[in-house]
């Protein structure tokens, strides 16, 4: 029942909140794609490609941060726009 309430709340979001939600998800997907390409380029070479591996891990962490922003920021925008 709680999942249904979440979907109903999301369906009633304002356009500004939807825009932020979509853009954060797009950023997350883009960062994960870049991370995948770096890991493919890394090819398991510990000595020569350790910087690529570190960069891929950093992009993965930023993707998690973008996903967290996609969850937290739109409800804040919704509440701000409703209080106005």
C-alpha atoms as a PDB file:
ATOM      1  CA  UNK A   1       0.000   0.000   0.000  1.00  0.00           C
ATOM      2  CA  UNK A   2       2.870   2.381   0.706  1.00  0.00           C
ATOM      3  CA  UNK A   3       4.346   1.852  -2.748  1.00  0.00           C
ATOM      4  CA  UNK A   4       1.061   2.928  -4.303  1.00  0.00           C
ATOM      5  CA  UNK A   5       1.130   6.128  -2.265  1.00  0.00           C
ATOM      6  CA  UNK A   6       4.630   6.867  -3.544  1.00  0.00           C
ATOM      7  CA  UNK A   7       3.528   6.422  -7.157  1.00  0.00           C
ATOM      8  CA  UNK A   8       0.475   8.594  -6.615  1.00  0.00           C
ATOM      9  CA  UNK A   9       2.649  11.306  -5.090  1.00  0.00           C
ATOM     10  CA  UNK A  10       5.059  11.092  -8.024  1.00  0.00           C
ATOM     11  CA  UNK A  11       2.210  11.289 -10.537  1.00  0.00           C
ATOM     12  CA  UNK A  12       1.045  14.545  -8.945  1.00  0.00           C
ATOM     13  CA  UNK A  13       4.444  16.260  -9.045  1.00  0.00           C
ATOM     14  CA  UNK A  14       4.746  19.726 -10.502  1.00  0.00           C
ATOM     15  CA  UNK A  15       6.680  20.246 -13.770  1.00  0.00           C
ATOM     16  CA  UNK A  16       9.679  21.790 -12.004  1.00  0.00           C
ATOM     17  CA  UNK A  17      10.041  18.761  -9.741  1.00  0.00           C
ATOM     18  CA  UNK A  18       9.672  16.390 -12.698  1.00  0.00           C
ATOM     19  CA  UNK A  19      12.366  18.302 -14.566  1.00  0.00           C
ATOM     20  CA  UNK A  20      14.804  17.995 -11.671  1.00  0.00           C
ATOM     21  CA  UNK A  21      13.952  14.319 -11.194  1.00  0.00           C
ATOM     22  CA  UNK A  22      14.469  13.516 -14.881  1.00  0.00           C
ATOM     23  CA  UNK A  23      17.718  15.447 -15.146  1.00  0.00           C
ATOM     24  CA  UNK A  24      19.176  13.804 -12.036  1.00  0.00           C
ATOM     25  CA  UNK A  25      18.304  10.362 -13.397  1.00  0.00           C
ATOM     26  CA  UNK A  26      19.849  11.255 -16.753  1.00  0.00           C
ATOM     27  CA  UNK A  27      22.995  12.447 -15.012  1.00  0.00           C
ATOM     28  CA  UNK A  28      23.147   9.214 -13.019  1.00  0.00           C
ATOM     29  CA  UNK A  29      22.816   7.097 -16.168  1.00  0.00           C
ATOM     30  CA  UNK A  30      25.420   9.174 -18.009  1.00  0.00           C
ATOM     31  CA  UNK A  31      27.921   8.825 -15.161  1.00  0.00           C
ATOM     32  CA  UNK A  32      27.346   5.068 -14.982  1.00  0.00           C
ATOM     33  CA  UNK A  33      27.870   4.775 -18.738  1.00  0.00           C
ATOM     34  CA  UNK A  34      31.149   6.698 -18.470  1.00  0.00           C
ATOM     35  CA  UNK A  35      32.139   4.461 -15.561  1.00  0.00           C
ATOM     36  CA  UNK A  36      31.447   1.370 -17.667  1.00  0.00           C
ATOM     37  CA  UNK A  37      33.521   2.697 -20.561  1.00  0.00           C
ATOM     38  CA  UNK A  38      36.408   3.461 -18.222  1.00  0.00           C
ATOM     39  CA  UNK A  39      36.257  -0.028 -16.759  1.00  0.00           C
ATOM     40  CA  UNK A  40      36.268  -1.504 -20.256  1.00  0.00           C
ATOM     41  CA  UNK A  41      39.336   0.626 -21.045  1.00  0.00           C
ATOM     42  CA  UNK A  42      40.946  -0.427 -17.766  1.00  0.00           C
ATOM     43  CA  UNK A  43      40.841  -4.081 -18.821  1.00  0.00           C
ATOM     44  CA  UNK A  44      42.122  -5.308 -15.461  1.00  0.00           C
ATOM     45  CA  UNK A  45      45.615  -3.837 -15.883  1.00  0.00           C
ATOM     46  CA  UNK A  46      46.532  -3.029 -12.278  1.00  0.00           C
ATOM     47  CA  UNK A  47      49.837  -1.312 -12.965  1.00  0.00           C
ATOM     48  CA  UNK A  48      49.077   0.661 -16.099  1.00  0.00           C
ATOM     49  CA  UNK A  49      45.420   1.477 -15.632  1.00  0.00           C
ATOM     50  CA  UNK A  50      44.995   2.111 -11.930  1.00  0.00           C
ATOM     51  CA  UNK A  51      44.061   5.746 -12.568  1.00  0.00           C
ATOM     52  CA  UNK A  52      41.248   4.649 -14.886  1.00  0.00           C
ATOM     53  CA  UNK A  53      39.996   2.328 -12.164  1.00  0.00           C
ATOM     54  CA  UNK A  54      40.065   5.108  -9.568  1.00  0.00           C
ATOM     55  CA  UNK A  55      38.263   7.472 -11.931  1.00  0.00           C
ATOM     56  CA  UNK A  56      35.606   4.828 -12.617  1.00  0.00           C
ATOM     57  CA  UNK A  57      35.051   4.366  -8.885  1.00  0.00           C
ATOM     58  CA  UNK A  58      34.768   8.118  -8.407  1.00  0.00           C
ATOM     59  CA  UNK A  59      32.214   8.395 -11.219  1.00  0.00           C
ATOM     60  CA  UNK A  60      30.276   5.546  -9.627  1.00  0.00           C
ATOM     61  CA  UNK A  61      30.139   7.466  -6.345  1.00  0.00           C
ATOM     62  CA  UNK A  62      28.973  10.613  -8.140  1.00  0.00           C
ATOM     63  CA  UNK A  63      26.262   8.555  -9.853  1.00  0.00           C
ATOM     64  CA  UNK A  64      25.049   7.455  -6.423  1.00  0.00           C
ATOM     65  CA  UNK A  65      25.054  11.092  -5.332  1.00  0.00           C
ATOM     66  CA  UNK A  66      22.996  12.083  -8.391  1.00  0.00           C
ATOM     67  CA  UNK A  67      20.509   9.321  -7.593  1.00  0.00           C
ATOM     68  CA  UNK A  68      20.271  10.531  -4.018  1.00  0.00           C
ATOM     69  CA  UNK A  69      19.637  14.053  -5.310  1.00  0.00           C
ATOM     70  CA  UNK A  70      16.891  12.667  -7.586  1.00  0.00           C
ATOM     71  CA  UNK A  71      15.172  11.250  -4.519  1.00  0.00           C
ATOM     72  CA  UNK A  72      15.631  14.178  -2.129  1.00  0.00           C
ATOM     73  CA  UNK A  73      15.415  17.398  -4.152  1.00  0.00           C
ATOM     74  CA  UNK A  74      12.056  17.029  -6.009  1.00  0.00           C
ATOM     75  CA  UNK A  75       9.959  16.625  -2.829  1.00  0.00           C
ATOM     76  CA  UNK A  76      11.703  19.693  -1.383  1.00  0.00           C
ATOM     77  CA  UNK A  77      10.863  21.656  -4.526  1.00  0.00           C
ATOM     78  CA  UNK A  78       7.279  20.397  -4.342  1.00  0.00           C
ATOM     79  CA  UNK A  79       6.888  21.544  -0.759  1.00  0.00           C
ATOM     80  CA  UNK A  80       8.502  24.896  -1.549  1.00  0.00           C
ATOM     81  CA  UNK A  81       6.188  25.497  -4.508  1.00  0.00           C
ATOM     82  CA  UNK A  82       3.101  24.525  -2.504  1.00  0.00           C
ATOM     83  CA  UNK A  83       4.015  26.869   0.354  1.00  0.00           C
ATOM     84  CA  UNK A  84       4.376  29.806  -2.035  1.00  0.00           C
END
